[in-house]
């Protein structure tokens, strides 16, 4: 008779030999573990009936456009209830509320109320950016506030037209943020005690979140501000380079995407896209660019994702047609376009695109440059008025939200 230890070993070996994935990936920040809209998980459900994947739980959420971060068995998001902006912590497996913490008053805007940025989880701390200015560090266990800074007041900033949206970024011992003020357009704080590490420039904020990439063996913190790309040394904020990228109404929204040693940048308002090669200093070089209203990729609504050398993204403007496009990342050539796909947001996982549309349809499509091939579609959320959050995938579960509810769907494949 096999011992309990021996039985466990046999089960693990059997799973490995059968090709089953044992990996479970957290989704601790905006756009996932690598801030690129991709999950490393495999063995996911890629086909379903008209009813869609099984609903594991559905709970009350609130107004807003914050994404869902998942780490350590908990799901975190920012919501607005009544006239209060809150951080909400849920049991990721059951949906039960663990705690909530008030950040401040609610936010009203003609183009949608409530918070915009997504919490960032780092160990036993949670870092959140209020739509009204405060940057807050909380204890992940209970929501207790550890430290906070009012970025608008401290950096002489004003809220941008449609609400501050950048999500905090952790790099080493620092939390990097976008105040967008005259006394500091970008900044970093020591994540443990909240002391200011550095501040730089005076750029007005865009709506994109910061990223960190390595160029010639050294890190660069890259920001997509209202006026263009800005790169600084993440350790001290020293400016390295700039690249002008102006759009009407200052709506640089999609977060730049790292493609090897290159950087993909895209926006709407008829501007288009480009693949750039950053340098240690001086403006980056364009590998290719496709500008103008007929560009192959105008990411107004959502950040594109990358798979096997091809970019996939929702291309369109605030009004009018929105297509799902596949673009060769090496050449900038359009591989295919699913015209009139509609406004949506997307996440890449297990070689597939998981898309949630503005009318609440969950769609799964293979990330293949050959053709658009829809494998599953189901209505899982009510129709939304303007925007939709990117799907979160963690522990073979799919987390979605609308303006009332938070939903968790089963994605464990057979």
Protein backbone atom coordinates (compact mmCIF):
# COMPACT_ATOMS: atom_id res chain seq x y z
CA UNK A 1 0.00 0.00 0.00
CA UNK A 2 1.37 3.42 -0.91
CA UNK A 3 2.05 5.87 1.89
CA UNK A 4 0.29 9.25 1.94
CA UNK A 5 3.57 10.92 0.96
CA UNK A 6 4.06 8.45 -1.87
CA UNK A 7 0.51 8.95 -3.13
CA UNK A 8 0.97 12.70 -3.22
CA UNK A 9 4.21 12.32 -5.18
CA UNK A 10 2.50 10.02 -7.66
CA UNK A 11 -0.31 12.53 -8.19
CA UNK A 12 2.18 15.33 -8.86
CA UNK A 13 4.20 13.20 -11.28
CA UNK A 14 1.01 12.11 -13.04
CA UNK A 15 -0.06 15.71 -13.50
CA UNK A 16 3.35 16.68 -14.89
CA UNK A 17 3.44 13.74 -17.28
CA UNK A 18 -0.07 14.44 -18.54
CA UNK A 19 0.90 18.05 -19.30
CA UNK A 20 -1.44 19.56 -16.71
CA UNK A 21 -0.38 22.97 -15.43
CA UNK A 22 0.25 23.31 -11.71
CA UNK A 23 1.06 27.01 -11.94
CA UNK A 24 -1.17 29.55 -10.27
CA UNK A 25 -0.48 33.18 -11.05
CA UNK A 26 -1.54 36.20 -9.03
CA UNK A 27 -2.76 39.33 -10.82
CA UNK A 28 -1.36 41.89 -8.36
CA UNK A 29 -1.69 45.10 -10.35
CA UNK A 30 -3.14 46.88 -13.36
CA UNK A 31 -2.66 44.76 -16.52
CA UNK A 32 -1.39 41.75 -14.59
CA UNK A 33 1.91 40.45 -13.18
CA UNK A 34 4.05 42.02 -15.92
CA UNK A 35 1.80 45.03 -16.62
CA UNK A 36 1.23 43.83 -20.20
CA UNK A 37 -2.33 42.50 -20.13
CA UNK A 38 -1.16 38.87 -20.12
CA UNK A 39 -1.50 35.96 -17.72
CA UNK A 40 1.04 33.08 -17.67
CA UNK A 41 -1.64 30.56 -16.69
CA UNK A 42 -2.41 27.61 -18.93
CA UNK A 43 -4.99 24.84 -19.01
CA UNK A 44 -7.84 27.35 -19.27
CA UNK A 45 -11.32 26.91 -20.65
CA UNK A 46 -11.39 28.16 -24.24
CA UNK A 47 -14.85 27.03 -25.39
CA UNK A 48 -18.27 27.30 -23.81
CA UNK A 49 -21.97 27.13 -24.53
CA UNK A 50 -24.28 30.10 -24.88
CA UNK A 51 -24.59 30.17 -21.08
CA UNK A 52 -20.86 30.85 -20.75
CA UNK A 53 -18.43 29.65 -18.07
CA UNK A 54 -19.80 28.64 -14.68
CA UNK A 55 -20.43 31.53 -12.31
CA UNK A 56 -18.61 30.83 -9.05
CA UNK A 57 -19.91 33.92 -7.29
CA UNK A 58 -21.47 37.31 -7.88
CA UNK A 59 -21.48 40.04 -5.23
CA UNK A 60 -22.28 43.71 -4.83
CA UNK A 61 -19.61 46.02 -6.14
CA UNK A 62 -20.08 49.67 -6.94
CA UNK A 63 -19.62 52.45 -9.46
CA UNK A 64 -16.24 52.99 -11.11
CA UNK A 65 -13.70 51.74 -13.63
CA UNK A 66 -11.02 50.28 -11.37
CA UNK A 67 -9.72 46.87 -12.37
CA UNK A 68 -9.51 43.88 -10.01
CA UNK A 69 -6.16 42.90 -8.46
CA UNK A 70 -5.85 39.36 -7.09
CA UNK A 71 -3.08 38.22 -4.75
CA UNK A 72 -2.74 35.96 -1.73
CA UNK A 73 -6.26 34.59 -2.11
CA UNK A 74 -7.91 38.01 -2.08
CA UNK A 75 -9.42 40.27 -4.72
CA UNK A 76 -9.10 44.05 -4.41
CA UNK A 77 -10.75 46.87 -6.31
CA UNK A 78 -11.86 50.48 -5.89
CA UNK A 79 -15.52 51.40 -6.01
CA UNK A 80 -17.91 54.24 -5.30
CA UNK A 81 -21.01 53.75 -3.18
CA UNK A 82 -23.21 56.74 -2.52
CA UNK A 83 -20.81 59.64 -2.17
CA UNK A 84 -17.85 57.61 -0.90
CA UNK A 85 -14.82 56.20 -2.72
CA UNK A 86 -13.85 52.86 -1.17
CA UNK A 87 -11.22 50.15 -1.43
CA UNK A 88 -12.84 46.73 -1.26
CA UNK A 89 -11.18 43.43 -0.29
CA UNK A 90 -12.95 40.13 -1.07
CA UNK A 91 -12.18 36.48 -0.59
CA UNK A 92 -11.08 35.54 -4.11
CA UNK A 93 -12.56 32.04 -3.89
CA UNK A 94 -15.91 32.88 -2.27
CA UNK A 95 -16.55 36.56 -2.94
CA UNK A 96 -17.25 37.33 0.71
CA UNK A 97 -16.27 40.80 1.88
CA UNK A 98 -13.21 40.87 4.14
CA UNK A 99 -12.90 44.62 4.61
CA UNK A 100 -13.57 47.98 3.02
CA UNK A 101 -11.80 51.28 3.57
CA UNK A 102 -12.96 54.78 2.74
CA UNK A 103 -10.58 56.83 0.60
CA UNK A 104 -12.59 60.02 0.45
CA UNK A 105 -15.61 61.59 -1.23
CA UNK A 106 -17.10 60.27 -4.43
CA UNK A 107 -16.22 61.60 -7.88
CA UNK A 108 -18.69 62.91 -10.46
CA UNK A 109 -17.94 63.24 -14.16
CA UNK A 110 -20.09 63.62 -17.25
CA UNK A 111 -18.29 60.63 -18.78
CA UNK A 112 -18.68 58.32 -15.79
CA UNK A 113 -18.46 58.56 -12.01
CA UNK A 114 -16.15 56.79 -9.58
CA UNK A 115 -12.50 55.70 -9.33
CA UNK A 116 -10.38 54.83 -12.36
CA UNK A 117 -7.09 53.33 -11.17
CA UNK A 118 -6.45 49.75 -10.00
CA UNK A 119 -4.92 48.75 -6.64
CA UNK A 120 -1.35 47.43 -6.58
CA UNK A 121 -0.54 44.59 -4.17
CA UNK A 122 3.02 44.18 -2.88
CA UNK A 123 3.53 41.68 -0.09
CA UNK A 124 1.40 42.69 2.90
CA UNK A 125 0.72 46.18 1.55
CA UNK A 126 -1.79 47.63 -0.88
CA UNK A 127 -1.16 50.88 -2.81
CA UNK A 128 -4.09 52.78 -4.27
CA UNK A 129 -4.54 56.05 -6.15
CA UNK A 130 -7.76 57.89 -5.40
CA UNK A 131 -9.45 59.61 -8.31
CA UNK A 132 -9.49 62.74 -6.12
CA UNK A 133 -5.74 62.89 -5.46
CA UNK A 134 -4.66 60.90 -2.40
CA UNK A 135 -2.10 58.10 -2.82
CA UNK A 136 -2.77 55.65 0.00
CA UNK A 137 -0.81 52.71 1.40
CA UNK A 138 -2.90 50.18 3.33
CA UNK A 139 -2.35 46.92 5.17
CA UNK A 140 -3.61 44.16 2.90
CA UNK A 141 -4.83 42.12 5.88
CA UNK A 142 -7.30 44.64 7.28
CA UNK A 143 -7.33 47.82 5.17
CA UNK A 144 -5.70 49.96 7.86
CA UNK A 145 -4.08 53.08 6.38
CA UNK A 146 -0.29 53.06 6.83
CA UNK A 147 0.53 56.34 5.09
CA UNK A 148 -0.93 58.68 2.49
CA UNK A 149 -0.13 61.73 0.36
CA UNK A 150 -2.46 64.13 -1.40
CA UNK A 151 -0.72 64.30 -4.77
CA UNK A 152 -2.80 67.18 -6.07
CA UNK A 153 -1.98 69.43 -3.11
CA UNK A 154 1.64 68.42 -2.65
CA UNK A 155 2.57 68.66 -6.35
CA UNK A 156 0.41 71.63 -7.36
CA UNK A 157 -1.73 69.50 -9.64
CA UNK A 158 -5.31 69.61 -10.83
CA UNK A 159 -7.45 66.63 -11.65
CA UNK A 160 -7.45 65.91 -15.37
CA UNK A 161 -10.62 66.27 -17.40
CA UNK A 162 -11.91 62.70 -17.02
CA UNK A 163 -10.33 61.79 -13.71
CA UNK A 164 -6.85 60.66 -12.74
CA UNK A 165 -6.43 57.07 -13.88
CA UNK A 166 -2.81 55.95 -13.51
CA UNK A 167 -2.25 52.94 -11.25
CA UNK A 168 0.72 52.86 -8.83
CA UNK A 169 3.79 50.87 -9.93
CA UNK A 170 6.15 49.10 -7.52
CA UNK A 171 9.83 48.96 -8.46
CA UNK A 172 12.09 47.61 -5.75
CA UNK A 173 11.61 49.75 -2.64
CA UNK A 174 9.74 52.50 -4.50
CA UNK A 175 6.15 53.17 -5.51
CA UNK A 176 6.07 55.21 -8.73
CA UNK A 177 3.14 57.53 -9.45
CA UNK A 178 1.90 60.30 -11.75
CA UNK A 179 0.89 63.46 -9.83
CA UNK A 180 0.81 65.53 -13.02
CA UNK A 181 1.62 68.79 -11.23
CA UNK A 182 3.76 71.87 -11.73
CA UNK A 183 5.80 70.84 -8.68
CA UNK A 184 6.27 67.32 -10.02
CA UNK A 185 4.75 65.64 -13.02
CA UNK A 186 6.04 62.20 -11.98
CA UNK A 187 7.32 61.01 -8.61
CA UNK A 188 8.35 58.09 -6.42
CA UNK A 189 7.91 57.38 -2.71
CA UNK A 190 9.61 54.88 -0.45
CA UNK A 191 6.98 52.20 -0.22
CA UNK A 192 7.65 51.34 3.44
CA UNK A 193 7.30 54.74 5.10
CA UNK A 194 5.89 56.95 2.33
CA UNK A 195 8.79 59.41 2.29
CA UNK A 196 9.37 61.17 -1.02
CA UNK A 197 12.24 59.59 -2.97
CA UNK A 198 12.20 61.94 -5.95
CA UNK A 199 10.05 64.07 -8.20
CA UNK A 200 10.69 65.13 -11.79
CA UNK A 201 9.36 67.22 -14.68
CA UNK A 202 6.12 69.16 -14.71
CA UNK A 203 4.10 67.19 -17.26
CA UNK A 204 0.34 67.16 -17.02
CA UNK A 205 -0.85 63.61 -16.45
CA UNK A 206 -2.24 61.43 -19.20
CA UNK A 207 -4.52 58.48 -18.46
CA UNK A 208 -1.91 55.73 -18.90
CA UNK A 209 0.00 53.98 -16.10
CA UNK A 210 3.81 53.96 -15.71
CA UNK A 211 5.96 50.99 -16.65
CA UNK A 212 9.60 50.00 -16.10
CA UNK A 213 11.73 48.46 -18.86
CA UNK A 214 15.41 47.62 -19.18
CA UNK A 215 17.44 49.45 -21.83
CA UNK A 216 21.13 48.62 -22.34
CA UNK A 217 21.18 46.79 -19.03
CA UNK A 218 19.67 49.65 -17.01
CA UNK A 219 16.11 50.28 -15.91
CA UNK A 220 13.99 53.14 -17.23
CA UNK A 221 10.67 54.29 -15.74
CA UNK A 222 8.48 55.30 -18.68
CA UNK A 223 5.42 57.53 -18.49
CA UNK A 224 2.84 58.33 -21.17
CA UNK A 225 1.87 61.86 -20.12
CA UNK A 226 -0.50 64.35 -21.70
CA UNK A 227 2.27 65.55 -24.03
CA UNK A 228 4.12 62.34 -24.81
CA UNK A 229 6.59 59.75 -23.55
CA UNK A 230 8.93 60.56 -20.69
CA UNK A 231 11.70 58.24 -19.43
CA UNK A 232 13.55 58.73 -16.15
CA UNK A 233 15.93 56.73 -14.00
CA UNK A 234 13.67 54.93 -11.53
CA UNK A 235 16.18 55.27 -8.71
CA UNK A 236 16.51 59.07 -8.70
CA UNK A 237 14.13 60.50 -11.32
CA UNK A 238 16.86 61.82 -13.61
CA UNK A 239 15.36 62.50 -17.02
CA UNK A 240 16.73 60.26 -19.79
CA UNK A 241 14.67 61.14 -22.85
CA UNK A 242 11.39 62.46 -24.22
CA UNK A 243 9.26 61.76 -27.26
CA UNK A 244 6.46 64.12 -28.18
CA UNK A 245 3.10 62.41 -28.69
CA UNK A 246 0.22 64.84 -28.71
CA UNK A 247 -3.43 63.94 -29.01
CA UNK A 248 -6.54 66.05 -29.01
CA UNK A 249 -7.87 66.56 -25.46
CA UNK A 250 -4.63 65.06 -24.04
CA UNK A 251 -6.10 61.55 -24.14
CA UNK A 252 -3.02 59.35 -24.10
CA UNK A 253 -4.80 56.40 -22.51
CA UNK A 254 -3.28 53.03 -23.46
CA UNK A 255 -0.25 52.05 -21.37
CA UNK A 256 2.91 51.58 -23.52
CA UNK A 257 3.67 47.91 -24.19
CA UNK A 258 7.16 46.43 -23.92
CA UNK A 259 8.05 44.29 -26.94
CA UNK A 260 11.49 42.81 -26.28
CA UNK A 261 13.87 45.79 -26.38
CA UNK A 262 11.25 47.91 -28.09
CA UNK A 263 8.22 49.90 -27.01
CA UNK A 264 4.80 49.95 -28.66
CA UNK A 265 2.79 53.11 -28.20
CA UNK A 266 -0.68 53.85 -29.54
CA UNK A 267 -3.55 56.30 -29.08
CA UNK A 268 -6.77 57.43 -30.66
CA UNK A 269 -7.91 60.86 -31.85
CA UNK A 270 -6.55 60.00 -35.29
CA UNK A 271 -2.95 59.72 -34.06
CA UNK A 272 -2.18 56.01 -34.52
CA UNK A 273 0.77 53.93 -33.38
CA UNK A 274 4.52 53.33 -33.53
CA UNK A 275 7.14 50.79 -32.51
CA UNK A 276 10.09 52.54 -30.89
CA UNK A 277 13.57 51.50 -29.77
CA UNK A 278 14.51 53.43 -26.62
CA UNK A 279 18.14 54.38 -25.97
CA UNK A 280 20.07 55.22 -22.82
CA UNK A 281 19.59 58.88 -23.70
CA UNK A 282 18.15 60.84 -26.56
CA UNK A 283 14.84 60.31 -28.31
CA UNK A 284 13.95 56.72 -29.24
CA UNK A 285 14.21 55.57 -32.86
CA UNK A 286 11.11 54.52 -34.76
CA UNK A 287 11.29 50.94 -36.04
CA UNK A 288 8.03 51.62 -37.83
CA UNK A 289 5.09 53.93 -37.39
CA UNK A 290 1.61 54.15 -38.80
CA UNK A 291 0.08 57.50 -38.01
CA UNK A 292 -3.22 59.09 -38.94
CA UNK A 293 -6.91 58.16 -38.94
CA UNK A 294 -6.31 55.02 -41.05
CA UNK A 295 -3.66 53.60 -38.70
CA UNK A 296 -3.59 49.83 -38.16
CA UNK A 297 -3.91 50.37 -34.39
CA UNK A 298 -5.57 53.23 -32.57
CA UNK A 299 -5.81 52.12 -28.94
CA UNK A 300 -8.34 54.52 -27.50
CA UNK A 301 -10.21 52.02 -25.34
CA UNK A 302 -7.72 49.44 -24.17
CA UNK A 303 -4.03 48.54 -24.13
CA UNK A 304 -3.02 46.02 -26.80
CA UNK A 305 -1.46 42.65 -25.98
CA UNK A 306 1.39 40.73 -27.62
CA UNK A 307 1.59 37.03 -28.55
CA UNK A 308 4.21 35.29 -30.69
CA UNK A 309 5.24 38.47 -32.48
CA UNK A 310 1.77 39.86 -33.14
CA UNK A 311 -0.16 42.67 -31.49
CA UNK A 312 -3.89 42.33 -30.78
CA UNK A 313 -6.02 45.29 -29.80
CA UNK A 314 -9.25 47.24 -30.05
CA UNK A 315 -8.69 49.94 -32.66
CA UNK A 316 -11.03 52.90 -32.92
CA UNK A 317 -12.11 56.25 -31.59
CA UNK A 318 -14.42 57.49 -28.84
CA UNK A 319 -17.25 57.53 -31.35
CA UNK A 320 -17.73 55.39 -34.43
CA UNK A 321 -16.44 51.95 -35.43
CA UNK A 322 -14.18 49.88 -33.17
CA UNK A 323 -12.34 46.94 -34.75
CA UNK A 324 -10.37 44.05 -33.26
CA UNK A 325 -7.04 44.12 -35.13
CA UNK A 326 -4.04 41.81 -35.40
CA UNK A 327 -0.79 43.55 -36.39
CA UNK A 328 2.68 42.17 -37.11
CA UNK A 329 4.84 43.68 -34.35
CA UNK A 330 7.95 43.48 -36.52
CA UNK A 331 6.61 45.32 -39.57
CA UNK A 332 3.45 47.13 -38.47
CA UNK A 333 1.43 45.39 -41.19
CA UNK A 334 -2.18 44.45 -40.56
CA UNK A 335 -2.64 40.66 -40.46
CA UNK A 336 -6.43 40.73 -40.05
CA UNK A 337 -9.24 42.89 -38.75
CA UNK A 338 -12.56 41.86 -37.25
CA UNK A 339 -14.39 44.96 -38.33
CA UNK A 340 -17.08 46.43 -36.10
CA UNK A 341 -16.18 44.14 -33.23
CA UNK A 342 -17.19 46.97 -30.90
CA UNK A 343 -15.77 48.59 -27.80
CA UNK A 344 -14.17 46.02 -25.56
CA UNK A 345 -11.25 45.23 -23.29
CA UNK A 346 -9.02 42.17 -23.46
CA UNK A 347 -6.58 39.92 -21.65
CA UNK A 348 -4.22 37.35 -23.16
CA UNK A 349 -3.90 33.91 -21.56
CA UNK A 350 -3.11 30.37 -22.73
CA UNK A 351 -2.70 31.54 -26.33
CA UNK A 352 -6.19 33.08 -26.43
CA UNK A 353 -7.78 36.50 -26.20
CA UNK A 354 -10.42 36.84 -23.52
CA UNK A 355 -12.53 39.87 -24.40
CA UNK A 356 -15.37 41.55 -22.55
CA UNK A 357 -17.48 43.85 -24.71
CA UNK A 358 -19.36 46.99 -23.81
CA UNK A 359 -22.63 45.06 -24.08
CA UNK A 360 -21.48 42.42 -21.59
CA UNK A 361 -20.45 39.65 -23.99
CA UNK A 362 -17.51 37.45 -23.01
CA UNK A 363 -15.70 36.33 -26.18
CA UNK A 364 -12.74 33.97 -26.58
CA UNK A 365 -10.57 34.07 -29.72
CA UNK A 366 -7.28 32.25 -30.47
CA UNK A 367 -4.34 34.67 -30.63
CA UNK A 368 -3.40 33.65 -34.16
CA UNK A 369 -2.28 35.84 -37.08
CA UNK A 370 -4.02 33.53 -39.57
CA UNK A 371 -7.60 34.64 -39.02
CA UNK A 372 -10.25 35.73 -36.55
CA UNK A 373 -11.88 32.58 -35.20
CA UNK A 374 -14.44 32.97 -32.46
CA UNK A 375 -14.54 29.92 -30.18
CA UNK A 376 -17.03 31.09 -27.57
CA UNK A 377 -19.39 33.94 -26.78
CA UNK A 378 -21.80 34.45 -23.90
CA UNK A 379 -23.53 37.34 -22.19
CA UNK A 380 -22.16 37.46 -18.66
CA UNK A 381 -22.70 41.11 -17.68
CA UNK A 382 -25.39 43.70 -18.38
CA UNK A 383 -24.65 46.29 -21.06
CA UNK A 384 -22.43 49.15 -19.93
CA UNK A 385 -22.70 52.76 -21.02
CA UNK A 386 -19.16 53.76 -22.03
CA UNK A 387 -16.24 51.71 -20.75
CA UNK A 388 -15.37 48.19 -19.66
CA UNK A 389 -12.54 46.97 -17.41
CA UNK A 390 -9.88 44.54 -18.58
CA UNK A 391 -10.57 40.95 -17.46
CA UNK A 392 -8.49 39.62 -14.56
CA UNK A 393 -7.32 35.99 -14.72
CA UNK A 394 -5.90 34.29 -11.63
CA UNK A 395 -5.99 30.71 -10.31
CA UNK A 396 -8.00 29.66 -13.37
CA UNK A 397 -10.73 32.14 -12.49
CA UNK A 398 -11.94 35.14 -14.49
CA UNK A 399 -12.89 38.27 -12.57
CA UNK A 400 -15.14 40.92 -14.13
CA UNK A 401 -17.12 43.90 -12.90
CA UNK A 402 -19.71 46.37 -14.07
CA UNK A 403 -21.23 49.37 -12.30
CA UNK A 404 -23.12 47.24 -9.78
CA UNK A 405 -21.56 43.81 -9.37
CA UNK A 406 -18.30 41.86 -9.24
CA UNK A 407 -18.38 38.43 -10.88
CA UNK A 408 -16.05 35.44 -10.74
CA UNK A 409 -16.23 32.77 -13.49
CA UNK A 410 -14.64 29.34 -13.66
CA UNK A 411 -11.92 29.02 -16.31
CA UNK A 412 -10.42 25.66 -15.35
CA UNK A 413 -10.27 23.68 -18.58
CA UNK A 414 -10.75 19.96 -19.06
